[in-house]
Every structure is written in C-alpha cells, then in structure tokens.
C-alpha cells in the first residue's frame, strides 16, 4: 500500500507543472550552446544559400518567388460578365464591406435613371455605422460590468470599441434605418478616407466612458443614470464625428443628368425616401452563406457581437460546402447579378496585376521548408481569416465549371487591372469564405436550416475577423 502511495505521489509530481522559478533552476526548455551549435552546423551559409541570402536581403521576396508563367498563361477574357462603370476607392480605411454593399446597388440606380455612372456617399453610411458601433460598445460595457476587466469578453470589447470593418448584414441594417444619399450630397473628407487618427481619439473617449460606466454599475447607480451617462458620452462621439466627417443631411435636394444629357427636375428627399423610392431594392431576402471547414456543414451559426446596431441581430449564416457556395454564386451571377463576398485577399495576391491564384509564390521552393496547410487548419491556427469584401461581376466557364472569376474591387483604378481583379477558381476554393445570395437561388434543403436554432459562436471565433 505504501509503495502504491509513493508511486501515486511520484506520478502526481511528474504531472504537476513546474513553476517558472523551478524551470529556470532546472535549466529546461531554453536554447543551449549545444543546440545553437547544432543549428549552425545544420545550415552553413555558403554556396547557393549565400546567393539566396544576398538576393533576399536586397529584394522583395514576392518579386523573387513570383510565378510569372502562371499569370502569363491566364487570359483576361470572361464568358459571362456584368458591365460596370467607375471603380470606387475606400482609400486608407476598412470600409470594404460598405463599398461592396453599395457596389451591389449602384447598377440598380444607373439602370433605373439611365445614368452613365452613379456612386453612393460612403461617408454617410460610415458616419451612422460609427455612431451605432459606439452605442453598441457602451451598451455592451454596461451589460458586462459585473465581469472582471480581464474577462475574455470584456477584454474583447475594450480592444475593439470602434472598428472600421463590417459585414453584409450591417449594410442592410444601416440602409433600412438611415437610408442612403448620392455621393455629391455628402462627399469624402480627409478623415473619412484615412480613419486612423479619428478612430484612435474616439476610441480613447469610449474607453474612458467605459471605465465611468463600469464604476457606476459597481456603485449601484440606476438604469436611468447609466442611460444619461451613456448619452453624454455619445454626444462627445457625435461631436467628434461631425468635426471629422461633417453632419449627415436630414434631407437634401438632388437632380441628375442622364446618358442622353437630359436634366431631371430637382427633388427633395430624406435619405430613407431616396433609398425607398430611387434604389427601391429589398435586401431582406439575401442570406449569408459561409464555407468554414472548422465548423460542421449544413448548420446555422451566429457570431456574438458581430453587428453594428445594438438592437439588430448578430451575423447569422449557414455553413455550407465549397461546392454549394460556388454553385449558388454561379447561379446568381449567370442571372446577371453581382455577388458580395468575403475572402482573405492578402493570400497569394499578385497586387500589381490584380491576380489571385494558388501557387502564385514559390516560398517553399525558396526556403526548402514545408509551409502548406489546408483551409481548415489555416482557420483553426489563425493563419487565414476573411479580411476583405468585394463583388464578383464575371466568370469564365470551362464547359460546366468555372475557370476564373472577375472581381470588382474598391481600391481605386490605379491598382489591379484598372480596379478589376481576376480570381482563379482554385483560389476561390481556398480563400473565399462568405457569399451573399438571394434566397431565389438557395435550395429548399438549405433554406430549412434557417428555421433551426443557431449555434452561437464567441466573438473571438475566427469568423468574426472580417469586421476588424
């Protein structure tokens, strides 16, 4: 019995983690002189490796590893495409989701009013998105005030009070609540096109406000007192937003000249009237579909705190196979309507030419190391996340299968192929995560999933990342 007890104690000691002091004392886990010697011996910098060292130390690695033959072998023709006019430019901001959302609606207005070109005021949507996110942050702070500052949810909120980014459903919610206006009614400012300083300063005000609200809750202040303080903070945020972005119009008078040089009569609208009368497109029947192999397919998910309006739903999506995602995208596109999508745009992008393809850069061949991961592993290990939203406006079919896709980006005409990008079909498989599709194209077997209870994912799930 005594022997068994000694064995159990020995096992317990072996399984009990050492303190940092004990680890240092034992000298375990650190880089030893012997290990460093073996590392040096494993890679003597000589011969062709010295040539590589000279090349890498003086050149961009992408230029050295670019697969030019892959790009040169891909033509710029597409069997099906939607004609667009004008490329938008989000500049130094994370407003891609808003630009892509408006880019879906621009053709509606152009066709309806017979316009050569038309652009919505992105700064108008940006203003209300910012104010709504400030309110979402403050209200969430009040409701988590009983949690410790080091709680993961509280920490998440404090790190991200005021992000630029967003999702499709945020465009829909903003349009339904605030409407839209033409670009000339509320044009861009320096701060709207470069949000860094504005975001930092308003974030500081929000964090100070969060501290006050948490203290008020701990002191047992009434809900009315908390609401009053929240409003005072929002008054400061509103003032700062107006000074940076301008004041959004309550109503405006607008007229236009069409492609036949016919001038319309001037008419006065509220932003909501303009949205309902001129745009006149119901977005409530568009649903979000994801391809996230880190979660089971054919199920409904909801990402907590992934919204911009406090009193609206969080991002809710059906997780589907890449085959379903591609089939539904193709159906809507071939019917003449562009498709809003979210992707990891930074992966394997030949930025100078606007070309997205797997195998674009031969990093493994240069380093002689294995860098390959599957889509599931990239998600779970935070190697790949949806970082950008654009619009698919064309496809080149090879028989019954797509060979490549045509993309409308929002990085201006100077980048890519005059603002348009070519996406290889294999790249779609690996780095496209979300598409927005009208329910007309969604089969009944997937629509039924919308009636199920969603699996709620925490805000630190990788799928939240598009709104950073």
Protein backbone atom coordinates (compact mmCIF):
# COMPACT_ATOMS: atom_id res chain seq x y z
CA UNK A 1 0.00 0.00 0.00
CA UNK A 2 2.85 2.36 0.96
CA UNK A 3 4.60 1.52 -2.31
CA UNK A 4 1.42 2.31 -4.31
CA UNK A 5 1.07 5.61 -2.46
CA UNK A 6 4.69 6.53 -3.27
CA UNK A 7 4.09 5.69 -6.95
CA UNK A 8 0.94 7.85 -6.99
CA UNK A 9 2.82 10.76 -5.40
CA UNK A 10 5.63 10.38 -7.95
CA UNK A 11 3.14 10.43 -10.84
CA UNK A 12 1.41 13.49 -9.35
CA UNK A 13 4.73 15.32 -9.09
CA UNK A 14 5.55 14.42 -12.69
CA UNK A 15 2.18 15.74 -13.92
CA UNK A 16 2.21 18.93 -11.83
CA UNK A 17 3.51 21.86 -13.90
CA UNK A 18 6.74 23.38 -12.66
CA UNK A 19 6.80 26.98 -11.56
CA UNK A 20 8.82 29.39 -13.67
CA UNK A 21 11.46 29.54 -10.94
CA UNK A 22 11.75 25.72 -10.89
CA UNK A 23 12.02 25.62 -14.69
CA UNK A 24 14.83 28.19 -14.63
CA UNK A 25 16.58 26.29 -11.85
CA UNK A 26 16.41 23.03 -13.78
CA UNK A 27 17.66 24.77 -16.91
CA UNK A 28 14.98 23.11 -19.04
CA UNK A 29 13.43 24.40 -22.26
CA UNK A 30 15.97 27.09 -23.09
CA UNK A 31 18.28 27.34 -26.08
CA UNK A 32 21.59 25.78 -25.01
CA UNK A 33 25.01 26.33 -26.55
CA UNK A 34 24.90 22.80 -27.88
CA UNK A 35 21.54 23.41 -29.58
CA UNK A 36 22.79 26.62 -31.17
CA UNK A 37 25.93 24.82 -32.40
CA UNK A 38 23.77 22.12 -33.99
CA UNK A 39 21.57 24.77 -35.64
CA UNK A 40 24.65 26.47 -37.10
CA UNK A 41 26.02 23.15 -38.32
CA UNK A 42 22.68 22.32 -39.97
CA UNK A 43 22.80 25.46 -42.10
CA UNK A 44 26.24 26.65 -43.12
CA UNK A 45 25.74 29.87 -45.08
CA UNK A 46 27.66 29.00 -48.24
CA UNK A 47 27.25 28.23 -51.91
CA UNK A 48 23.76 28.80 -53.31
CA UNK A 49 22.41 29.70 -49.85
CA UNK A 50 24.71 32.72 -49.73
CA UNK A 51 23.35 33.73 -53.14
CA UNK A 52 19.83 33.44 -51.74
CA UNK A 53 20.85 35.48 -48.70
CA UNK A 54 22.22 38.23 -50.95
CA UNK A 55 19.05 38.18 -53.06
CA UNK A 56 16.61 38.21 -50.12
CA UNK A 57 18.45 40.88 -48.19
CA UNK A 58 18.25 43.27 -51.15
CA UNK A 59 14.91 42.38 -52.77
CA UNK A 60 11.24 41.82 -52.03
CA UNK A 61 10.58 38.11 -51.55
CA UNK A 62 7.42 38.28 -53.65
CA UNK A 63 9.37 39.55 -56.64
CA UNK A 64 11.84 36.68 -56.25
CA UNK A 65 9.26 33.92 -55.88
CA UNK A 66 6.53 35.16 -58.26
CA UNK A 67 5.23 32.54 -60.69
CA UNK A 68 5.09 34.77 -63.77
CA UNK A 69 4.23 31.86 -66.05
CA UNK A 70 1.04 31.28 -64.06
CA UNK A 71 -0.07 34.87 -64.61
CA UNK A 72 1.07 34.97 -68.25
CA UNK A 73 -0.88 31.79 -69.05
CA UNK A 74 -4.17 33.35 -67.85
CA UNK A 75 -6.01 35.50 -70.37
CA UNK A 76 -8.29 38.41 -69.43
CA UNK A 77 -11.42 37.17 -71.20
CA UNK A 78 -14.60 36.11 -69.43
CA UNK A 79 -17.51 34.21 -70.97
CA UNK A 80 -20.01 36.00 -68.71
CA UNK A 81 -19.64 39.40 -67.10
CA UNK A 82 -21.67 42.29 -65.74
CA UNK A 83 -20.72 45.64 -67.17
CA UNK A 84 -19.90 48.25 -64.53
CA UNK A 85 -18.99 51.91 -64.69
CA UNK A 86 -16.47 53.51 -62.37
CA UNK A 87 -14.27 51.94 -59.71
CA UNK A 88 -14.65 53.10 -56.12
CA UNK A 89 -11.81 53.70 -53.68
CA UNK A 90 -12.05 53.04 -49.94
CA UNK A 91 -8.54 54.50 -49.54
CA UNK A 92 -6.88 54.01 -46.13
CA UNK A 93 -9.91 52.60 -44.35
CA UNK A 94 -11.54 49.27 -43.56
CA UNK A 95 -14.82 50.15 -45.30
CA UNK A 96 -14.63 47.41 -47.96
CA UNK A 97 -17.88 45.81 -46.72
CA UNK A 98 -19.75 49.11 -47.14
CA UNK A 99 -18.23 49.87 -50.54
CA UNK A 100 -19.01 46.34 -51.76
CA UNK A 101 -22.56 46.62 -50.42
CA UNK A 102 -23.14 49.89 -52.24
CA UNK A 103 -21.48 48.47 -55.37
CA UNK A 104 -24.21 45.83 -55.46
CA UNK A 105 -26.83 48.61 -55.51
CA UNK A 106 -25.16 51.05 -57.93
CA UNK A 107 -26.27 49.22 -61.11
CA UNK A 108 -29.88 49.41 -59.89
CA UNK A 109 -29.79 53.21 -59.79
CA UNK A 110 -27.82 53.53 -63.04
CA UNK A 111 -30.32 51.41 -64.93
CA UNK A 112 -33.40 52.95 -63.36
CA UNK A 113 -32.33 56.56 -64.01
CA UNK A 114 -30.42 55.88 -67.27
CA UNK A 115 -27.18 57.21 -65.76
CA UNK A 116 -23.66 56.90 -67.13
CA UNK A 117 -22.37 56.40 -63.62
CA UNK A 118 -23.60 56.70 -60.05
CA UNK A 119 -21.97 56.39 -56.64
CA UNK A 120 -23.45 56.44 -53.16
CA UNK A 121 -21.98 58.55 -50.36
CA UNK A 122 -19.93 56.02 -48.41
CA UNK A 123 -19.17 58.64 -45.77
CA UNK A 124 -22.89 58.93 -45.00
CA UNK A 125 -23.12 55.21 -44.19
CA UNK A 126 -19.77 55.40 -42.42
CA UNK A 127 -20.99 58.16 -40.09
CA UNK A 128 -24.00 56.23 -38.84
CA UNK A 129 -22.04 52.98 -38.67
CA UNK A 130 -19.51 54.66 -36.39
CA UNK A 131 -22.14 56.17 -34.10
CA UNK A 132 -24.02 52.88 -33.89
CA UNK A 133 -20.84 50.96 -33.06
CA UNK A 134 -20.08 53.44 -30.29
CA UNK A 135 -23.54 52.81 -28.83
CA UNK A 136 -23.12 49.03 -29.20
CA UNK A 137 -19.82 49.23 -27.34
CA UNK A 138 -21.16 51.34 -24.46
CA UNK A 139 -24.31 49.27 -24.05
CA UNK A 140 -22.25 46.07 -24.06
CA UNK A 141 -19.95 47.57 -21.43
CA UNK A 142 -22.93 48.26 -19.17
CA UNK A 143 -24.23 44.72 -19.59
CA UNK A 144 -20.84 43.14 -18.84
CA UNK A 145 -19.96 45.50 -15.98
CA UNK A 146 -20.23 42.70 -13.39
CA UNK A 147 -17.44 40.79 -15.14
CA UNK A 148 -13.78 41.26 -14.32
CA UNK A 149 -11.76 43.57 -16.58
CA UNK A 150 -9.67 40.54 -17.52
CA UNK A 151 -12.73 38.54 -18.57
CA UNK A 152 -12.31 37.49 -22.20
CA UNK A 153 -15.49 39.20 -23.39
CA UNK A 154 -14.69 42.47 -21.61
CA UNK A 155 -11.15 42.34 -22.93
CA UNK A 156 -12.53 41.74 -26.43
CA UNK A 157 -14.80 44.79 -26.17
CA UNK A 158 -12.07 47.08 -24.89
CA UNK A 159 -9.69 46.04 -27.67
CA UNK A 160 -12.26 46.70 -30.41
CA UNK A 161 -14.58 49.56 -29.46
CA UNK A 162 -14.69 51.27 -32.83
CA UNK A 163 -13.58 49.15 -35.83
CA UNK A 164 -13.92 50.28 -39.44
CA UNK A 165 -14.87 46.89 -40.77
CA UNK A 166 -18.20 45.19 -41.15
CA UNK A 167 -20.39 42.58 -42.80
CA UNK A 168 -23.19 42.48 -45.36
CA UNK A 169 -26.00 42.50 -42.78
CA UNK A 170 -24.58 45.76 -41.40
CA UNK A 171 -25.11 47.38 -44.81
CA UNK A 172 -28.71 46.15 -44.82
CA UNK A 173 -29.38 47.39 -41.28
CA UNK A 174 -27.88 50.81 -41.97
CA UNK A 175 -29.87 51.20 -45.20
CA UNK A 176 -33.13 50.24 -43.52
CA UNK A 177 -32.61 52.64 -40.61
CA UNK A 178 -30.81 55.62 -42.17
CA UNK A 179 -31.30 55.29 -45.92
CA UNK A 180 -28.65 56.36 -48.45
CA UNK A 181 -27.63 59.53 -50.30
CA UNK A 182 -25.74 60.26 -53.53
CA UNK A 183 -22.01 60.88 -53.15
CA UNK A 184 -22.21 64.57 -54.10
CA UNK A 185 -24.62 65.21 -51.23
CA UNK A 186 -22.03 64.16 -48.64
CA UNK A 187 -18.57 63.87 -50.24
CA UNK A 188 -15.47 62.31 -48.70
CA UNK A 189 -13.23 64.18 -46.26
CA UNK A 190 -9.58 63.58 -45.39
CA UNK A 191 -10.66 61.80 -42.20
CA UNK A 192 -13.24 59.57 -43.91
CA UNK A 193 -10.56 58.38 -46.32
CA UNK A 194 -7.90 57.93 -43.63
CA UNK A 195 -9.57 56.97 -40.36
CA UNK A 196 -6.53 56.12 -38.24
CA UNK A 197 -6.28 59.24 -36.08
CA UNK A 198 -10.03 59.76 -35.77
CA UNK A 199 -10.52 56.15 -34.67
CA UNK A 200 -7.76 56.35 -32.06
CA UNK A 201 -9.10 59.51 -30.46
CA UNK A 202 -12.74 58.41 -30.38
CA UNK A 203 -11.64 55.01 -29.09
CA UNK A 204 -9.85 56.77 -26.22
CA UNK A 205 -13.04 58.66 -25.35
CA UNK A 206 -15.05 55.45 -25.45
CA UNK A 207 -12.62 53.61 -23.17
CA UNK A 208 -12.74 56.43 -20.64
CA UNK A 209 -16.51 56.27 -20.84
CA UNK A 210 -16.40 52.52 -20.31
CA UNK A 211 -14.49 52.99 -17.06
CA UNK A 212 -17.05 55.52 -15.80
CA UNK A 213 -19.98 53.25 -16.69
CA UNK A 214 -18.40 50.21 -15.02
CA UNK A 215 -17.79 52.22 -11.86
CA UNK A 216 -21.37 53.47 -11.88
CA UNK A 217 -22.67 49.91 -12.10
CA UNK A 218 -20.45 48.80 -9.20
CA UNK A 219 -21.80 51.73 -7.17
CA UNK A 220 -25.36 50.61 -7.81
CA UNK A 221 -26.42 53.56 -9.95
CA UNK A 222 -29.89 53.36 -11.51
CA UNK A 223 -30.54 52.34 -15.14
CA UNK A 224 -31.72 55.92 -15.77
CA UNK A 225 -28.41 57.33 -14.53
CA UNK A 226 -26.47 54.89 -16.72
CA UNK A 227 -28.55 55.84 -19.76
CA UNK A 228 -27.93 59.53 -19.09
CA UNK A 229 -24.17 58.99 -18.84
CA UNK A 230 -24.15 56.87 -21.98
CA UNK A 231 -25.93 59.66 -23.85
CA UNK A 232 -23.36 62.18 -22.60
CA UNK A 233 -20.54 60.02 -23.96
CA UNK A 234 -22.36 59.62 -27.27
CA UNK A 235 -22.75 63.40 -27.50
CA UNK A 236 -18.96 63.67 -27.41
CA UNK A 237 -18.61 60.93 -30.02
CA UNK A 238 -21.19 62.63 -32.26
CA UNK A 239 -19.35 65.95 -31.96
CA UNK A 240 -16.04 64.33 -32.89
CA UNK A 241 -17.61 62.51 -35.84
CA UNK A 242 -19.20 65.71 -37.17
CA UNK A 243 -15.90 67.56 -36.92
CA UNK A 244 -14.14 64.80 -38.88
CA UNK A 245 -16.83 63.72 -41.33
CA UNK A 246 -19.38 66.51 -41.50
CA UNK A 247 -23.03 66.45 -40.46
CA UNK A 248 -25.21 63.92 -42.29
CA UNK A 249 -28.20 65.53 -44.04
CA UNK A 250 -31.71 65.24 -42.66
CA UNK A 251 -32.97 65.98 -46.17
CA UNK A 252 -31.41 67.06 -49.46
CA UNK A 253 -32.35 68.34 -52.90
CA UNK A 254 -30.94 66.40 -55.84
CA UNK A 255 -31.12 66.33 -59.61
CA UNK A 256 -29.17 64.47 -62.26
CA UNK A 257 -28.24 64.42 -65.94
CA UNK A 258 -28.80 61.09 -67.68
CA UNK A 259 -26.84 59.43 -70.51
CA UNK A 260 -28.92 61.34 -73.07
CA UNK A 261 -27.95 64.63 -71.40
CA UNK A 262 -31.49 65.13 -70.16
CA UNK A 263 -31.58 67.07 -66.88
CA UNK A 264 -34.08 65.92 -64.30
CA UNK A 265 -36.19 68.18 -62.12
CA UNK A 266 -34.77 68.89 -58.67
CA UNK A 267 -36.46 66.88 -55.94
CA UNK A 268 -36.13 66.94 -52.16
CA UNK A 269 -35.67 63.65 -50.31
CA UNK A 270 -34.92 62.37 -46.88
CA UNK A 271 -32.21 59.66 -47.05
CA UNK A 272 -34.82 56.99 -46.32
CA UNK A 273 -37.11 58.32 -49.05
CA UNK A 274 -34.23 58.21 -51.52
CA UNK A 275 -33.49 54.61 -50.59
CA UNK A 276 -37.12 53.51 -50.86
CA UNK A 277 -38.07 55.49 -53.96
CA UNK A 278 -34.90 55.58 -56.05
CA UNK A 279 -32.95 52.48 -55.03
CA UNK A 280 -36.11 50.52 -54.32
CA UNK A 281 -34.41 47.18 -53.75
CA UNK A 282 -35.36 44.92 -50.87
CA UNK A 283 -32.26 43.27 -49.39
CA UNK A 284 -34.10 41.31 -46.71
CA UNK A 285 -34.20 38.18 -48.90
CA UNK A 286 -30.42 37.95 -49.23
CA UNK A 287 -28.76 35.41 -46.98
CA UNK A 288 -25.22 34.90 -45.80
CA UNK A 289 -23.55 31.60 -46.66
CA UNK A 290 -20.12 30.64 -45.31
CA UNK A 291 -17.63 27.96 -46.14
CA UNK A 292 -15.85 27.36 -42.85
CA UNK A 293 -14.50 23.79 -42.59
CA UNK A 294 -13.56 24.45 -38.95
CA UNK A 295 -17.28 24.04 -38.13
CA UNK A 296 -19.75 21.32 -39.27
CA UNK A 297 -21.53 21.99 -42.56
CA UNK A 298 -25.29 22.35 -43.15
CA UNK A 299 -25.88 24.10 -39.86
CA UNK A 300 -26.86 27.62 -38.78
CA UNK A 301 -24.40 29.77 -36.83
CA UNK A 302 -24.48 33.15 -35.15
CA UNK A 303 -21.42 35.15 -34.12
CA UNK A 304 -21.90 37.04 -30.85
CA UNK A 305 -21.37 40.84 -31.02
CA UNK A 306 -20.90 40.71 -34.81
CA UNK A 307 -23.22 43.61 -35.60
CA UNK A 308 -23.16 47.40 -35.63
CA UNK A 309 -26.66 48.20 -34.35
CA UNK A 310 -27.30 47.09 -30.79
CA UNK A 311 -30.98 46.37 -31.45
CA UNK A 312 -30.39 44.18 -34.51
CA UNK A 313 -29.31 40.56 -34.90
CA UNK A 314 -25.73 39.35 -34.86
CA UNK A 315 -24.24 37.88 -38.03
CA UNK A 316 -26.18 34.68 -38.77
CA UNK A 317 -25.06 32.34 -41.55
CA UNK A 318 -25.49 28.87 -43.00
CA UNK A 319 -22.22 26.96 -43.17
CA UNK A 320 -22.07 25.07 -46.47
CA UNK A 321 -19.60 23.09 -48.53
CA UNK A 322 -17.41 24.92 -51.02
CA UNK A 323 -19.34 23.17 -53.81
CA UNK A 324 -22.62 24.65 -52.59
CA UNK A 325 -21.04 28.05 -52.09
CA UNK A 326 -19.73 28.06 -55.65
CA UNK A 327 -22.92 26.69 -57.23
CA UNK A 328 -25.11 29.37 -55.64
CA UNK A 329 -22.64 32.12 -56.51
CA UNK A 330 -22.64 30.95 -60.11
CA UNK A 331 -26.44 30.80 -60.30
CA UNK A 332 -26.89 34.41 -59.20
CA UNK A 333 -24.03 35.66 -61.32
CA UNK A 334 -25.23 33.95 -64.51
CA UNK A 335 -28.61 35.57 -63.89
CA UNK A 336 -26.93 38.97 -64.24
CA UNK A 337 -26.50 39.99 -60.60
CA UNK A 338 -23.20 40.57 -58.84
CA UNK A 339 -22.30 38.68 -55.66
CA UNK A 340 -20.94 40.29 -52.48
CA UNK A 341 -18.25 38.04 -50.98
CA UNK A 342 -15.71 37.94 -48.15
CA UNK A 343 -12.22 36.49 -48.58
CA UNK A 344 -8.63 36.53 -47.35
CA UNK A 345 -7.37 38.90 -50.02
CA UNK A 346 -3.77 39.04 -48.78
CA UNK A 347 -3.05 35.43 -49.62
CA UNK A 348 -1.35 34.71 -52.96
CA UNK A 349 -2.25 38.08 -54.47
CA UNK A 350 -0.22 39.47 -57.38
CA UNK A 351 -1.20 43.00 -56.47
CA UNK A 352 0.45 44.79 -59.41
CA UNK A 353 -1.69 42.89 -61.91
CA UNK A 354 -4.78 42.20 -59.79
CA UNK A 355 -4.39 38.41 -59.95
CA UNK A 356 -5.37 35.91 -57.25
CA UNK A 357 -4.18 32.34 -57.71
CA UNK A 358 -2.89 29.44 -55.67
CA UNK A 359 0.78 28.74 -56.38
CA UNK A 360 1.41 32.42 -57.01
CA UNK A 361 4.59 32.50 -54.90
CA UNK A 362 7.17 29.71 -54.56
CA UNK A 363 8.02 30.31 -50.89
CA UNK A 364 8.52 26.62 -50.12
CA UNK A 365 10.94 26.16 -53.00
CA UNK A 366 13.00 29.15 -51.85
CA UNK A 367 13.20 28.19 -48.17
CA UNK A 368 13.12 24.42 -48.71
CA UNK A 369 10.61 24.08 -45.87
CA UNK A 370 7.01 22.86 -45.71
CA UNK A 371 4.54 25.76 -45.40
CA UNK A 372 1.39 24.08 -46.69
CA UNK A 373 -1.88 23.94 -44.74
CA UNK A 374 -5.44 23.00 -45.59
CA UNK A 375 -8.26 25.54 -45.31
CA UNK A 376 -9.47 24.07 -42.01
CA UNK A 377 -6.00 24.21 -40.45
CA UNK A 378 -5.46 27.77 -41.65
CA UNK A 379 -8.67 28.84 -39.87
CA UNK A 380 -8.02 26.98 -36.63
CA UNK A 381 -4.43 28.21 -36.42
CA UNK A 382 -5.38 31.82 -37.26
CA UNK A 383 -3.28 31.66 -40.41
CA UNK A 384 -6.18 32.75 -42.62
CA UNK A 385 -9.27 34.81 -41.87
CA UNK A 386 -11.76 36.73 -44.01
CA UNK A 387 -10.16 40.16 -44.34
CA UNK A 388 -11.82 41.86 -47.30
CA UNK A 389 -15.14 42.15 -49.12
CA UNK A 390 -15.55 42.65 -52.90
CA UNK A 391 -18.09 41.90 -55.63
CA UNK A 392 -17.94 39.08 -58.18
CA UNK A 393 -19.06 40.51 -61.52
CA UNK A 394 -17.99 37.85 -64.03
CA UNK A 395 -16.95 34.27 -64.66
CA UNK A 396 -15.12 32.38 -67.39
CA UNK A 397 -16.67 28.96 -67.86
CA UNK A 398 -14.68 25.92 -68.96
CA UNK A 399 -17.50 23.63 -70.01
CA UNK A 400 -19.75 23.33 -66.95
CA UNK A 401 -17.12 24.50 -64.49
CA UNK A 402 -15.76 27.97 -63.71
CA UNK A 403 -12.11 28.50 -64.61
CA UNK A 404 -11.75 32.01 -63.20
CA UNK A 405 -13.81 34.87 -61.79
CA UNK A 406 -13.90 38.63 -62.42
CA UNK A 407 -13.87 40.88 -59.36
CA UNK A 408 -14.87 44.49 -58.76
CA UNK A 409 -12.63 45.84 -56.00
CA UNK A 410 -12.74 49.12 -54.09
CA UNK A 411 -9.05 50.05 -54.15
CA UNK A 412 -9.25 52.60 -56.96
CA UNK A 413 -8.42 52.33 -60.66
CA UNK A 414 -4.65 52.54 -60.12
CA UNK A 415 -4.49 49.07 -58.56
CA UNK A 416 -5.12 45.76 -60.25
CA UNK A 417 -6.34 45.83 -63.84
CA UNK A 418 -7.89 49.32 -63.72
CA UNK A 419 -9.60 48.37 -60.47
CA UNK A 420 -10.73 44.90 -61.53
CA UNK A 421 -9.17 41.63 -60.36
CA UNK A 422 -9.00 38.10 -61.74
CA UNK A 423 -9.53 35.26 -59.27
CA UNK A 424 -8.54 31.71 -60.24
CA UNK A 425 -11.17 29.10 -59.37
CA UNK A 426 -8.69 27.20 -57.16
CA UNK A 427 -8.15 30.41 -55.15
CA UNK A 428 -11.94 30.62 -54.64
CA UNK A 429 -11.82 27.16 -53.00
CA UNK A 430 -9.05 28.08 -50.59
CA UNK A 431 -9.64 31.71 -49.62
CA UNK A 432 -13.29 32.64 -50.23
CA UNK A 433 -15.29 32.34 -47.02
CA UNK A 434 -18.64 34.08 -47.45
CA UNK A 435 -21.10 35.00 -50.19
CA UNK A 436 -24.45 36.80 -50.11
CA UNK A 437 -27.14 35.17 -52.24
CA UNK A 438 -30.80 35.92 -52.92
CA UNK A 439 -32.99 33.18 -51.48
CA UNK A 440 -34.35 32.55 -55.01
CA UNK A 441 -31.17 30.63 -55.76
CA UNK A 442 -30.91 28.75 -52.44
CA UNK A 443 -32.32 25.19 -52.49
CA UNK A 444 -35.01 24.19 -50.03
CA UNK A 445 -32.67 21.81 -48.17
CA UNK A 446 -30.54 24.81 -47.16
CA UNK A 447 -33.43 27.23 -46.58
CA UNK A 448 -34.85 24.81 -43.99
CA UNK A 449 -31.67 25.33 -41.95
CA UNK A 450 -32.72 28.97 -41.39
CA UNK A 451 -35.60 27.69 -39.22
CA UNK A 452 -33.25 25.90 -36.83
CA UNK A 453 -31.69 27.30 -33.66
CA UNK A 454 -28.26 28.76 -34.48
CA UNK A 455 -25.08 27.60 -32.80
CA UNK A 456 -23.72 30.72 -31.10
CA UNK A 457 -20.02 31.32 -31.63
CA UNK A 458 -17.99 33.61 -29.35
CA UNK A 459 -16.74 36.92 -30.77
CA UNK A 460 -13.16 35.63 -30.78
CA UNK A 461 -14.07 32.93 -33.30
CA UNK A 462 -12.02 33.48 -36.49
CA UNK A 463 -15.20 34.16 -38.48
CA UNK A 464 -15.63 37.47 -36.63
CA UNK A 465 -12.45 38.75 -38.17
CA UNK A 466 -13.94 40.44 -41.25
CA UNK A 467 -15.08 43.42 -39.17
CA UNK A 468 -11.67 44.29 -37.75
